[in-house]
């Protein structure tokens, strides 16, 4: 199941536009009423090479591609039998989410994608639409086949026991930690000064100075300052609501008044509008606490640390009572954004956090250290190390949840494989002679 999903996601993520025109084309496979063209295989192979820079084992890779495409066609055929409906709006929502993710990876500038692939974003979405719909259908069929599958502790143990010791993965050292955060207050005088500076910038721009130049010189947004404050095209629901509310009201060339968001204070200039998408530039100024307030926050955390240690307060109770961070409501524990768990490997932490945690022993608190919140605000925190697990061979005692998840996925995969074998038997499949050497032909007993 994972293999099929990953393959198609990777195909989509490359936007299917690495491919070059194919001069000679023909049908290489018929699956029921569906066909697979030689060009389909060649395009996917080109995408694969571009993604992984692998040029060896061409025949093996193309066999794997063809196998996955046959599986996809079988599932699409099943969706027709089951009357699975994926609406145009569902596809569009997924496309927009995918484009938004890609934009985040490149700093939000849609022109980078358009210029690189020599296509408009609309054309790129058009190219993605068919594969996206197919992937959503496959996801629905896989869900229907596996949604009721559960796994018992005995099955987990049996799964683990079948793995040869030499094949057991090494689990990297992991850490569980929480923090108590203090955000130094910002004075009203600082906020007033920030607003006044932005209004001064606005007046200078209206008198003829370039917005882009002032953004490069003064904006506190490192992602856009070097681009003259330009954010690139985006749709509603991408940025802060207050920012979008002001930005979408602007006309071409118009500059907003001061807008406040969690990130700070902005002025925004409309550059261009294309339907429901806009391209704007902004200048962000973030109010900063005074040195005295920063020292006061450090002293505050020092006193909290002493209080916890001397009075043996429970960490979660202390976090709920004293922390300024939103995670105080969940006990102050920090969640790994990559896995959704509270366990962090070294590469899931920034260098500063790891340097602090690596010096602690479980149950120990750090001294106050600088911290930048998710909104970019200056803060300080003390870190509490709950546990540290040394690197080790995977085992049922320390890694049960991960092994259980792997065992469940294996059980789901076997269920889908069994379904596929039965489906192959009852579906008319014809494969061109040039691919008859592929291993899956014998595995599925395809004539």
Protein backbone atom coordinates (compact mmCIF):
# COMPACT_ATOMS: atom_id res chain seq x y z
CA UNK A 1 0.00 0.00 0.00
CA UNK A 2 2.72 2.46 0.97
CA UNK A 3 4.74 1.60 -2.13
CA UNK A 4 1.88 2.41 -4.48
CA UNK A 5 0.92 5.61 -2.72
CA UNK A 6 4.51 6.81 -2.54
CA UNK A 7 5.10 6.11 -6.20
CA UNK A 8 2.14 8.16 -7.35
CA UNK A 9 2.79 10.96 -4.89
CA UNK A 10 6.35 11.25 -6.17
CA UNK A 11 5.08 11.29 -9.72
CA UNK A 12 2.69 14.09 -8.85
CA UNK A 13 5.28 16.00 -6.82
CA UNK A 14 7.51 16.27 -9.86
CA UNK A 15 4.48 17.85 -11.58
CA UNK A 16 4.78 15.38 -14.48
CA UNK A 17 6.54 18.05 -16.49
CA UNK A 18 10.07 16.81 -16.54
CA UNK A 19 8.95 14.60 -19.39
CA UNK A 20 9.90 15.36 -22.96
CA UNK A 21 7.65 14.66 -25.97
CA UNK A 22 7.72 11.04 -27.08
CA UNK A 23 8.14 10.60 -30.82
CA UNK A 24 6.85 7.01 -31.12
CA UNK A 25 3.96 5.83 -29.00
CA UNK A 26 1.91 2.67 -28.68
CA UNK A 27 -0.32 0.75 -26.29
CA UNK A 28 1.78 -1.49 -24.04
CA UNK A 29 -0.91 -2.73 -21.64
CA UNK A 30 -4.67 -3.14 -21.58
CA UNK A 31 -6.36 -3.47 -18.18
CA UNK A 32 -10.06 -4.09 -18.66
CA UNK A 33 -11.16 -1.04 -20.62
CA UNK A 34 -8.16 1.00 -19.54
CA UNK A 35 -4.94 1.36 -21.53
CA UNK A 36 -1.35 2.20 -20.63
CA UNK A 37 0.77 3.84 -23.32
CA UNK A 38 4.49 3.55 -23.85
CA UNK A 39 4.68 7.31 -23.35
CA UNK A 40 3.14 6.87 -19.88
CA UNK A 41 6.00 4.57 -18.91
CA UNK A 42 8.64 6.82 -20.46
CA UNK A 43 7.30 9.93 -18.71
CA UNK A 44 7.24 8.26 -15.32
CA UNK A 45 10.75 6.89 -15.89
CA UNK A 46 11.98 10.37 -16.78
CA UNK A 47 10.36 11.73 -13.60
CA UNK A 48 12.02 9.00 -11.54
CA UNK A 49 15.48 9.70 -12.96
CA UNK A 50 15.02 13.44 -12.38
CA UNK A 51 13.92 12.78 -8.81
CA UNK A 52 16.61 10.29 -7.78
CA UNK A 53 19.36 10.82 -10.38
CA UNK A 54 19.40 7.06 -10.97
CA UNK A 55 20.12 5.82 -14.48
CA UNK A 56 21.08 2.20 -13.74
CA UNK A 57 18.62 -0.71 -13.83
CA UNK A 58 16.41 0.94 -16.42
CA UNK A 59 14.51 -2.28 -17.20
CA UNK A 60 13.87 -3.00 -13.53
CA UNK A 61 12.62 0.51 -12.88
CA UNK A 62 10.31 0.45 -15.89
CA UNK A 63 8.91 -2.93 -14.80
CA UNK A 64 8.15 -1.46 -11.38
CA UNK A 65 6.51 1.55 -13.01
CA UNK A 66 4.33 -0.66 -15.21
CA UNK A 67 3.36 -2.83 -12.23
CA UNK A 68 2.26 0.21 -10.25
CA UNK A 69 0.30 1.59 -13.19
CA UNK A 70 -1.52 -1.73 -13.61
CA UNK A 71 -2.37 -1.70 -9.90
CA UNK A 72 -3.67 1.85 -10.26
CA UNK A 73 -5.84 0.88 -13.22
CA UNK A 74 -7.24 -2.12 -11.32
CA UNK A 75 -8.20 0.14 -8.43
CA UNK A 76 -9.76 2.74 -10.71
CA UNK A 77 -11.74 -0.07 -12.33
CA UNK A 78 -12.89 -1.23 -8.89
CA UNK A 79 -13.92 2.33 -8.03
CA UNK A 80 -16.24 2.34 -11.04
CA UNK A 81 -17.81 -0.93 -9.86
CA UNK A 82 -18.19 0.45 -6.33
CA UNK A 83 -19.53 3.81 -7.59
CA UNK A 84 -16.74 5.69 -5.81
CA UNK A 85 -17.16 9.36 -6.65
CA UNK A 86 -14.43 11.96 -6.31
CA UNK A 87 -15.87 15.41 -7.02
CA UNK A 88 -14.16 18.13 -9.01
CA UNK A 89 -14.12 20.27 -5.86
CA UNK A 90 -12.31 17.56 -3.89
CA UNK A 91 -9.67 17.34 -6.61
CA UNK A 92 -9.34 21.12 -6.72
CA UNK A 93 -8.90 21.32 -2.95
CA UNK A 94 -6.15 18.70 -3.07
CA UNK A 95 -4.45 20.47 -5.97
CA UNK A 96 -4.49 23.77 -4.11
CA UNK A 97 -3.07 22.11 -1.02
CA UNK A 98 -0.28 20.51 -3.08
CA UNK A 99 0.57 23.79 -4.83
CA UNK A 100 0.57 25.63 -1.49
CA UNK A 101 3.00 23.03 -0.09
CA UNK A 102 5.31 23.39 -3.08
CA UNK A 103 5.21 27.18 -2.72
CA UNK A 104 6.18 26.92 0.94
CA UNK A 105 9.21 24.84 -0.07
CA UNK A 106 10.49 27.58 -2.39
CA UNK A 107 9.64 30.64 -0.34
CA UNK A 108 6.16 31.36 -1.68
CA UNK A 109 7.11 32.71 -5.12
CA UNK A 110 4.95 31.01 -7.75
CA UNK A 111 7.00 32.58 -10.54
CA UNK A 112 9.90 30.27 -9.68
CA UNK A 113 7.73 27.27 -10.57
CA UNK A 114 6.25 28.93 -13.65
CA UNK A 115 9.62 30.10 -14.98
CA UNK A 116 11.34 26.78 -14.32
CA UNK A 117 8.71 24.67 -16.05
CA UNK A 118 7.80 27.29 -18.68
CA UNK A 119 4.11 26.88 -17.80
CA UNK A 120 1.53 28.91 -15.95
CA UNK A 121 0.33 27.65 -12.61
CA UNK A 122 -3.04 26.93 -14.25
CA UNK A 123 -1.39 24.68 -16.84
CA UNK A 124 0.63 22.93 -14.15
CA UNK A 125 -2.57 22.22 -12.21
CA UNK A 126 -4.18 20.94 -15.41
CA UNK A 127 -1.28 18.52 -15.89
CA UNK A 128 -1.64 17.31 -12.31
CA UNK A 129 -5.42 16.98 -12.27
CA UNK A 130 -5.82 13.51 -13.82
CA UNK A 131 -3.13 11.93 -11.63
CA UNK A 132 -4.50 13.66 -8.56
CA UNK A 133 -7.99 12.28 -9.17
CA UNK A 134 -6.52 8.82 -9.75
CA UNK A 135 -4.53 9.02 -6.52
CA UNK A 136 -7.62 10.06 -4.55
CA UNK A 137 -9.55 7.12 -6.00
CA UNK A 138 -6.75 4.74 -5.03
CA UNK A 139 -6.67 6.17 -1.52
CA UNK A 140 -10.41 5.58 -1.20
CA UNK A 141 -10.19 1.98 -2.43
CA UNK A 142 -7.25 1.27 -0.10
CA UNK A 143 -9.19 2.81 2.78
CA UNK A 144 -12.26 0.68 2.07
CA UNK A 145 -10.12 -2.46 1.92
CA UNK A 146 -8.21 -1.80 5.13
CA UNK A 147 -10.31 0.47 7.35
CA UNK A 148 -11.50 -2.38 9.59
CA UNK A 149 -8.12 -4.07 9.94
CA UNK A 150 -6.74 -4.14 13.48
CA UNK A 151 -3.78 -5.89 15.03
CA UNK A 152 -3.30 -7.73 18.31
CA UNK A 153 -0.25 -7.73 20.60
CA UNK A 154 0.35 -11.35 19.62
CA UNK A 155 0.42 -10.41 15.92
CA UNK A 156 2.84 -7.57 16.69
CA UNK A 157 5.16 -9.99 18.49
CA UNK A 158 4.93 -12.55 15.68
CA UNK A 159 5.74 -9.84 13.13
CA UNK A 160 8.77 -8.74 15.12
CA UNK A 161 10.00 -12.28 15.76
CA UNK A 162 10.11 -12.99 12.01
CA UNK A 163 12.59 -10.17 11.41
CA UNK A 164 16.18 -11.55 11.41
CA UNK A 165 18.30 -9.87 14.06
CA UNK A 166 20.77 -8.62 11.46
CA UNK A 167 17.89 -6.94 9.63
CA UNK A 168 16.57 -5.06 12.66
CA UNK A 169 16.99 -1.31 12.16
CA UNK A 170 19.08 0.76 14.52
CA UNK A 171 16.85 3.26 16.27
CA UNK A 172 18.60 6.59 16.73
CA UNK A 173 18.85 8.16 20.17
CA UNK A 174 15.58 9.88 21.04
CA UNK A 175 14.65 12.58 23.52
CA UNK A 176 11.39 13.64 25.14
CA UNK A 177 11.29 17.14 26.56
CA UNK A 178 9.07 20.01 27.57
CA UNK A 179 9.61 23.69 28.11
CA UNK A 180 8.36 26.66 30.08
CA UNK A 181 8.40 29.80 27.95
CA UNK A 182 8.44 33.44 28.94
CA UNK A 183 7.73 36.02 26.26
CA UNK A 184 8.98 39.46 27.35
CA UNK A 185 6.18 42.03 27.13
CA UNK A 186 6.35 44.71 24.48
CA UNK A 187 5.86 48.26 25.69
CA UNK A 188 3.15 50.46 24.24
CA UNK A 189 5.87 52.95 23.34
CA UNK A 190 7.65 50.30 21.21
CA UNK A 191 4.42 49.40 19.42
CA UNK A 192 3.62 53.06 18.77
CA UNK A 193 7.11 53.60 17.39
CA UNK A 194 6.80 50.59 15.07
CA UNK A 195 3.47 51.82 13.71
CA UNK A 196 4.87 55.30 13.21
CA UNK A 197 7.86 53.92 11.28
CA UNK A 198 5.55 51.95 8.98
CA UNK A 199 3.35 54.98 8.38
CA UNK A 200 6.48 56.96 7.55
CA UNK A 201 7.52 54.27 5.06
CA UNK A 202 4.03 54.44 3.53
CA UNK A 203 4.27 58.19 3.08
CA UNK A 204 7.73 57.91 1.52
CA UNK A 205 6.41 55.33 -0.97
CA UNK A 206 3.42 57.48 -1.84
CA UNK A 207 5.88 60.34 -2.52
CA UNK A 208 7.76 58.17 -5.01
CA UNK A 209 10.23 55.94 -3.21
CA UNK A 210 10.23 52.28 -4.19
CA UNK A 211 8.41 49.86 -1.90
CA UNK A 212 10.90 47.13 -2.83
CA UNK A 213 13.89 49.19 -1.74
CA UNK A 214 12.43 50.00 1.68
CA UNK A 215 11.46 46.32 2.12
CA UNK A 216 15.02 45.21 1.38
CA UNK A 217 16.43 47.73 3.84
CA UNK A 218 14.00 47.49 6.73
CA UNK A 219 11.67 44.46 6.62
CA UNK A 220 12.03 41.89 9.40
CA UNK A 221 10.76 39.09 7.15
CA UNK A 222 13.94 37.27 6.00
CA UNK A 223 12.02 35.21 3.45
CA UNK A 224 10.72 38.16 1.43
CA UNK A 225 13.00 41.10 2.27
CA UNK A 226 15.63 40.06 -0.28
CA UNK A 227 12.86 39.97 -2.93
CA UNK A 228 11.71 43.48 -2.18
CA UNK A 229 9.00 42.19 0.13
CA UNK A 230 7.23 40.25 -2.64
CA UNK A 231 5.42 37.11 -1.48
CA UNK A 232 4.30 35.69 -4.84
CA UNK A 233 0.79 34.56 -5.72
CA UNK A 234 -1.34 32.95 -3.03
CA UNK A 235 -4.98 32.11 -2.41
CA UNK A 236 -7.17 32.72 0.62
CA UNK A 237 -6.40 30.52 3.58
CA UNK A 238 -2.63 30.61 3.07
CA UNK A 239 -1.49 33.46 5.34
CA UNK A 240 -2.68 35.15 8.52
CA UNK A 241 -6.42 36.02 8.31
CA UNK A 242 -5.83 39.67 9.23
CA UNK A 243 -3.17 39.95 6.54
CA UNK A 244 -5.39 38.39 3.87
CA UNK A 245 -8.40 40.50 4.85
CA UNK A 246 -6.40 43.67 4.19
CA UNK A 247 -4.49 42.36 1.16
CA UNK A 248 -7.52 41.16 -0.83
CA UNK A 249 -9.20 44.59 -0.49
CA UNK A 250 -6.34 46.39 -2.22
CA UNK A 251 -6.32 47.55 -5.82
CA UNK A 252 -3.26 47.33 -8.07
CA UNK A 253 -0.45 49.49 -6.67
CA UNK A 254 -2.44 50.43 -3.58
CA UNK A 255 -0.78 50.33 -0.14
CA UNK A 256 -2.59 49.29 3.02
CA UNK A 257 -2.58 51.01 6.37
CA UNK A 258 -0.75 49.25 9.20
CA UNK A 259 -1.96 45.66 9.68
CA UNK A 260 -1.31 43.67 12.85
CA UNK A 261 -0.80 39.87 12.84
CA UNK A 262 0.85 37.41 15.19
CA UNK A 263 4.09 38.00 13.28
CA UNK A 264 4.11 41.75 13.92
CA UNK A 265 3.00 44.84 12.00
CA UNK A 266 2.87 45.20 8.21
CA UNK A 267 2.13 47.50 5.36
CA UNK A 268 1.07 45.70 2.18
CA UNK A 269 1.22 46.66 -1.48
CA UNK A 270 -0.89 45.01 -4.15
CA UNK A 271 1.21 43.96 -7.14
CA UNK A 272 -1.13 41.86 -9.26
CA UNK A 273 -4.42 39.97 -9.08
CA UNK A 274 -5.24 36.84 -11.11
CA UNK A 275 -8.74 35.64 -10.40
CA UNK A 276 -8.82 34.40 -6.81
CA UNK A 277 -5.05 34.72 -6.38
CA UNK A 278 -3.05 37.80 -5.54
CA UNK A 279 0.60 38.75 -5.48
CA UNK A 280 1.56 41.30 -2.84
CA UNK A 281 4.64 42.71 -1.18
CA UNK A 282 4.90 43.66 2.46
CA UNK A 283 7.19 45.31 4.96
CA UNK A 284 7.15 43.59 8.35
CA UNK A 285 8.38 45.20 11.53
CA UNK A 286 8.44 43.13 14.70
CA UNK A 287 8.32 44.99 18.01
CA UNK A 288 11.17 43.93 20.24
CA UNK A 289 11.23 43.86 24.02
CA UNK A 290 13.59 46.22 25.77
CA UNK A 291 16.83 44.85 27.26
CA UNK A 292 15.36 45.38 30.73
CA UNK A 293 12.31 43.27 29.87
CA UNK A 294 14.53 40.53 28.47
CA UNK A 295 16.63 40.46 31.64
CA UNK A 296 13.43 40.39 33.70
CA UNK A 297 12.19 37.36 31.73
CA UNK A 298 15.46 35.51 32.33
CA UNK A 299 15.24 36.26 36.05
CA UNK A 300 11.61 35.14 36.09
CA UNK A 301 12.49 31.77 34.55
CA UNK A 302 15.39 31.38 36.96
CA UNK A 303 13.02 31.83 39.87
CA UNK A 304 10.54 29.33 38.38
CA UNK A 305 13.34 26.81 37.89
CA UNK A 306 14.42 27.19 41.52
CA UNK A 307 10.83 26.92 42.70
CA UNK A 308 10.26 23.69 40.77
CA UNK A 309 13.47 22.11 42.01
CA UNK A 310 13.21 23.15 45.67
CA UNK A 311 9.50 22.49 46.05
CA UNK A 312 9.53 19.48 43.74
CA UNK A 313 6.66 20.80 41.63
CA UNK A 314 5.31 18.60 38.85
CA UNK A 315 6.62 19.88 35.52
CA UNK A 316 3.26 19.85 33.75
CA UNK A 317 1.58 21.71 36.61
CA UNK A 318 4.36 24.30 36.55
CA UNK A 319 4.13 24.67 32.76
CA UNK A 320 0.37 25.18 32.91
CA UNK A 321 0.75 27.81 35.61
CA UNK A 322 3.79 29.73 34.44
CA UNK A 323 4.44 29.18 30.69
CA UNK A 324 3.43 31.65 27.95
CA UNK A 325 3.50 28.93 25.29
CA UNK A 326 0.30 27.44 23.89
CA UNK A 327 1.49 23.91 24.70
CA UNK A 328 1.02 24.72 28.40
CA UNK A 329 -2.49 23.28 28.00
CA UNK A 330 -0.99 19.90 27.06
CA UNK A 331 1.43 19.80 29.95
CA UNK A 332 4.22 21.83 28.36
CA UNK A 333 5.46 18.87 26.31
CA UNK A 334 6.98 19.68 22.93
CA UNK A 335 5.57 17.70 19.99
CA UNK A 336 7.74 16.60 17.07
CA UNK A 337 6.16 18.26 13.99
CA UNK A 338 7.58 15.55 11.70
CA UNK A 339 6.13 12.54 13.52
CA UNK A 340 3.38 13.92 15.75
CA UNK A 341 4.94 12.14 18.74
CA UNK A 342 6.90 13.57 21.68
CA UNK A 343 10.08 11.75 20.66
CA UNK A 344 12.79 13.69 18.86
CA UNK A 345 15.86 12.42 17.09
CA UNK A 346 18.80 14.75 16.74
CA UNK A 347 17.98 15.75 13.16
CA UNK A 348 14.44 16.79 14.19
CA UNK A 349 15.77 19.55 16.46
CA UNK A 350 17.59 22.77 15.69
CA UNK A 351 21.23 22.89 16.73
CA UNK A 352 20.63 25.20 19.69
CA UNK A 353 17.92 22.97 21.17
CA UNK A 354 19.99 19.82 20.73
CA UNK A 355 23.07 21.45 22.23
CA UNK A 356 21.05 22.28 25.36
CA UNK A 357 19.25 18.94 25.65
CA UNK A 358 22.36 16.87 25.03
CA UNK A 359 23.93 18.30 28.18
CA UNK A 360 20.96 17.35 30.38
CA UNK A 361 20.18 14.09 32.10
CA UNK A 362 16.55 12.92 32.40
CA UNK A 363 14.74 14.87 35.11
CA UNK A 364 17.06 17.87 34.81
CA UNK A 365 16.18 21.48 33.88
CA UNK A 366 18.27 23.81 31.73
CA UNK A 367 19.08 27.38 32.63
CA UNK A 368 17.04 30.02 30.75
CA UNK A 369 18.04 30.15 27.08
CA UNK A 370 16.95 32.34 24.13
CA UNK A 371 14.01 31.06 22.11
CA UNK A 372 12.12 32.24 19.04
CA UNK A 373 8.42 31.36 18.97
CA UNK A 374 6.68 29.98 15.88
CA UNK A 375 5.51 33.53 15.15
CA UNK A 376 9.05 34.85 15.25
CA UNK A 377 8.81 36.57 18.64
CA UNK A 378 11.79 36.90 20.96
CA UNK A 379 11.36 34.73 24.06
CA UNK A 380 13.25 32.70 26.64
CA UNK A 381 12.65 29.22 28.01
CA UNK A 382 13.84 26.54 30.37
CA UNK A 383 13.88 23.00 29.00
CA UNK A 384 13.02 19.90 31.02
CA UNK A 385 14.40 16.61 29.73
CA UNK A 386 11.87 13.88 30.46
CA UNK A 387 13.68 10.93 28.89
CA UNK A 388 16.61 9.97 26.72
CA UNK A 389 16.83 6.67 24.90
CA UNK A 390 20.24 5.67 23.59
CA UNK A 391 20.69 4.42 20.03
CA UNK A 392 19.83 0.73 19.93
CA UNK A 393 18.58 -2.16 17.87
CA UNK A 394 14.80 -2.01 17.58
CA UNK A 395 13.07 -4.00 20.33
CA UNK A 396 9.53 -4.55 21.58
CA UNK A 397 10.15 -2.92 24.94
CA UNK A 398 11.36 0.49 23.80
CA UNK A 399 9.87 0.64 20.31
CA UNK A 400 6.53 -1.13 20.62
CA UNK A 401 4.45 1.69 19.09
CA UNK A 402 6.69 1.94 16.01
CA UNK A 403 6.76 -1.84 15.57
CA UNK A 404 3.00 -2.04 16.01
CA UNK A 405 2.55 0.60 13.31
CA UNK A 406 4.88 -1.31 10.96
CA UNK A 407 3.07 -4.59 11.68
CA UNK A 408 -0.30 -3.00 10.99
CA UNK A 409 0.94 -1.56 7.68
CA UNK A 410 2.33 -4.98 6.75
CA UNK A 411 -1.03 -6.60 7.47
CA UNK A 412 -2.81 -3.97 5.36
CA UNK A 413 -0.32 -4.45 2.53
CA UNK A 414 -0.90 -8.20 2.54
CA UNK A 415 -4.65 -7.63 2.43
CA UNK A 416 -4.28 -5.41 -0.61
CA UNK A 417 -1.86 -7.85 -2.27
CA UNK A 418 -4.39 -10.66 -1.81
CA UNK A 419 -7.12 -8.47 -3.27
CA UNK A 420 -4.92 -7.61 -6.24
CA UNK A 421 -4.13 -11.25 -7.01
CA UNK A 422 -7.83 -12.06 -7.06
CA UNK A 423 -8.53 -8.98 -9.15
CA UNK A 424 -5.90 -9.92 -11.72
CA UNK A 425 -7.58 -13.31 -12.16
CA UNK A 426 -10.93 -11.74 -13.04
CA UNK A 427 -9.72 -8.84 -15.18
CA UNK A 428 -8.69 -8.94 -18.82
CA UNK A 429 -5.01 -7.88 -18.83
CA UNK A 430 -2.87 -7.90 -21.96
CA UNK A 431 0.78 -6.86 -21.89
CA UNK A 432 3.02 -6.11 -24.86
CA UNK A 433 5.78 -8.62 -25.56
CA UNK A 434 8.49 -6.04 -24.79
CA UNK A 435 7.52 -6.19 -21.10
CA UNK A 436 6.92 -9.93 -20.76
CA UNK A 437 10.27 -10.32 -18.98
CA UNK A 438 9.01 -8.31 -15.96
CA UNK A 439 8.95 -10.41 -12.74
CA UNK A 440 5.38 -9.45 -11.80
CA UNK A 441 4.06 -11.23 -14.92
CA UNK A 442 4.96 -14.60 -13.41
CA UNK A 443 3.99 -13.55 -9.89
CA UNK A 444 0.46 -12.69 -11.07
CA UNK A 445 0.26 -15.52 -13.63
CA UNK A 446 -0.60 -13.11 -16.43
CA UNK A 447 -0.71 -14.94 -19.78
